[in-house]
Protein backbone atom coordinates (compact mmCIF):
# COMPACT_ATOMS: atom_id res chain seq x y z
CA MET A 1 50.70 19.66 -7.21
CA LYS A 2 47.55 22.28 -7.78
CA TRP A 3 47.20 20.48 -10.64
CA LEU A 4 46.79 17.24 -8.97
CA GLN A 5 44.42 18.62 -6.84
CA ARG A 6 41.91 20.11 -9.47
CA PHE A 7 42.27 17.14 -11.53
CA GLY A 8 41.73 15.30 -8.65
CA THR A 9 38.24 17.06 -7.60
CA ALA A 10 37.37 17.11 -11.75
CA LEU A 11 37.12 13.52 -10.84
CA LEU A 12 35.84 13.11 -7.39
CA ILE A 13 32.51 15.20 -8.43
CA PRO A 14 31.58 13.17 -10.94
CA ALA A 15 32.33 9.65 -9.23
CA VAL A 16 30.04 10.94 -6.28
CA PHE A 17 27.35 11.73 -8.33
CA ALA A 18 27.29 8.21 -10.58
CA VAL A 19 27.70 6.30 -6.62
CA GLY A 20 24.44 8.17 -5.81
CA PHE A 21 22.52 8.03 -9.20
CA TYR A 22 23.36 4.27 -9.66
CA GLY A 23 23.77 3.12 -5.82
CA ALA A 24 20.46 4.87 -4.26
CA PRO A 25 18.17 2.06 -5.97
CA PHE A 26 20.38 -0.41 -4.17
CA ALA A 27 20.78 1.67 -0.78
CA GLU A 28 16.40 1.97 -1.16
CA LYS A 29 15.89 -1.92 -1.54
CA THR A 30 18.30 -2.87 0.92
CA TYR A 31 16.63 -0.22 3.18
CA ARG A 32 12.82 -2.09 2.60
CA GLN A 33 14.81 -5.35 3.52
CA VAL A 34 16.03 -4.22 6.79
CA PHE A 35 12.86 -1.86 7.07
CA PRO A 36 9.50 -3.33 5.34
CA ALA A 37 6.70 -1.56 5.27
CA ASP A 38 3.90 -2.24 7.95
CA GLU A 39 1.41 -4.61 7.28
CA TYR A 40 -1.52 -2.65 8.43
CA ARG A 41 -2.11 0.27 10.52
CA ASN A 42 -4.66 0.67 13.19
CA GLY A 43 -7.97 2.90 13.58
CA ASN A 44 -11.15 3.37 14.37
CA PHE A 45 -13.22 3.18 11.37
CA SER A 46 -17.05 2.75 12.21
CA GLY A 47 -17.99 5.58 10.35
CA LEU A 48 -16.74 3.91 7.35
CA TYR A 49 -18.28 0.54 8.12
CA ALA A 50 -21.56 1.93 9.28
CA GLU A 51 -21.88 3.97 5.46
CA ALA A 52 -21.11 1.43 3.91
CA ASN A 53 -23.03 -1.13 5.35
CA ARG A 54 -20.43 -3.72 5.66
CA SER A 55 -17.73 -4.75 7.88
CA VAL A 56 -15.00 -5.14 5.14
CA VAL A 57 -14.49 -2.67 2.77
CA LEU A 58 -12.33 -2.37 -0.67
CA PHE A 59 -10.89 1.30 -2.40
CA SER A 60 -10.06 -0.49 -5.73
CA THR A 61 -9.55 0.44 -9.31
CA SER A 62 -10.97 -1.83 -12.29
CA THR A 63 -7.54 -2.53 -13.64
CA CYS A 64 -5.50 -3.26 -10.45
CA PRO A 65 -4.65 -6.80 -10.54
CA TYR A 66 -4.31 -6.66 -6.83
CA CYS A 67 -7.39 -5.23 -6.32
CA ARG A 68 -8.52 -8.55 -8.53
CA LYS A 69 -7.07 -10.95 -6.19
CA ALA A 70 -8.45 -9.35 -3.43
CA ARG A 71 -11.66 -9.79 -4.92
CA GLU A 72 -11.00 -13.13 -5.67
CA PHE A 73 -10.15 -14.23 -2.39
CA PHE A 74 -12.91 -12.39 -0.65
CA ALA A 75 -15.47 -14.13 -3.42
CA GLU A 76 -13.82 -17.53 -2.89
CA HIS A 77 -14.44 -16.87 0.64
CA GLY A 78 -17.65 -15.50 0.95
CA ILE A 79 -16.54 -12.81 2.05
CA ALA A 80 -19.15 -9.75 2.15
CA TYR A 81 -17.63 -6.59 1.75
CA THR A 82 -18.28 -3.00 -0.11
CA ASP A 83 -15.67 -2.21 -2.92
CA TYR A 84 -15.85 1.23 -4.00
CA VAL A 85 -14.05 1.24 -7.91
CA VAL A 86 -12.41 4.66 -7.32
CA ASP A 87 -11.73 4.66 -11.17
CA GLN A 88 -15.29 4.47 -11.88
CA SER A 89 -17.00 6.73 -9.59
CA LYS A 90 -16.43 10.27 -8.06
CA ALA A 91 -17.82 9.83 -4.69
CA ALA A 92 -15.71 6.71 -4.47
CA GLU A 93 -12.82 8.56 -5.77
CA GLU A 94 -13.39 11.67 -2.74
CA LYS A 95 -13.99 8.98 0.00
CA PHE A 96 -10.76 7.01 -0.83
CA SER A 97 -8.86 10.86 -1.09
CA ALA A 98 -10.38 11.62 2.45
CA ARG A 99 -8.61 8.40 3.38
CA GLY A 100 -5.83 9.52 1.96
CA GLY A 101 -5.62 7.86 -1.16
CA GLY A 102 -2.22 6.72 -2.60
CA ALA A 103 -2.10 3.24 -3.35
CA VAL A 104 -4.80 0.40 -4.25
CA PRO A 105 -6.08 -2.02 -3.40
CA LEU A 106 -6.78 -0.14 0.39
CA ILE A 107 -8.82 -2.42 2.28
CA TYR A 108 -10.47 -1.85 5.75
CA ILE A 109 -11.26 -4.59 8.35
CA GLY A 110 -12.29 -3.97 11.85
CA ASP A 111 -9.49 -1.86 13.36
CA ARG A 112 -6.82 -2.38 10.50
CA GLU A 113 -6.22 -0.26 7.54
CA ILE A 114 -4.09 -2.46 4.84
CA ARG A 115 -2.41 -0.69 1.64
CA GLY A 116 -1.98 -3.13 -0.86
CA PHE A 117 -3.51 -7.19 -0.78
CA ARG A 118 -1.36 -8.82 1.49
CA GLU A 119 -2.93 -12.35 2.01
CA THR A 120 -1.66 -12.82 5.56
CA ALA A 121 -2.92 -9.37 6.98
CA VAL A 122 -6.25 -9.74 5.58
CA ARG A 123 -6.35 -13.53 7.23
CA GLU A 124 -5.17 -11.88 10.53
CA ALA A 125 -7.08 -9.07 10.56
CA LEU A 126 -10.41 -10.92 9.28
CA ALA A 127 -9.76 -13.52 12.40
CA ALA A 128 -9.34 -10.14 14.73
CA ALA A 129 -12.29 -8.73 13.56
CA GLY A 130 -14.57 -12.20 13.92
CA VAL A 131 -15.27 -11.99 10.43
CA ARG A 132 -15.77 -15.88 8.67
CA HIS A 133 -13.08 -16.96 7.09
CA PRO A 134 -11.45 -20.27 5.92
């Protein structure tokens, strides 16, 4: 009977590891579907707007496809904005890091900080801030 316990334990440990290793991506995907990330975070960003001399601020990189989409959206709709390209300017990189860094694009409109290009969130922020948009 002891050999059965040892044999069972020897099989159980790799099985638990395999379930954890291969099941984690599925668990994360399910978690993100059930609890999606917030579209934006509220705050007072008036100092950033005063420094940028614009009411819309974008932190981006020169190679990010979502940053390019954000730029195209703003250009297409005639929205004036300040673009801090963090991979081309040390000062922009420092400003970005001071705001928590992380992923780009990082967009500020009114009282909203939007991480990533989320067109619906950008449109809603523009409307809430009274910035001309389509």
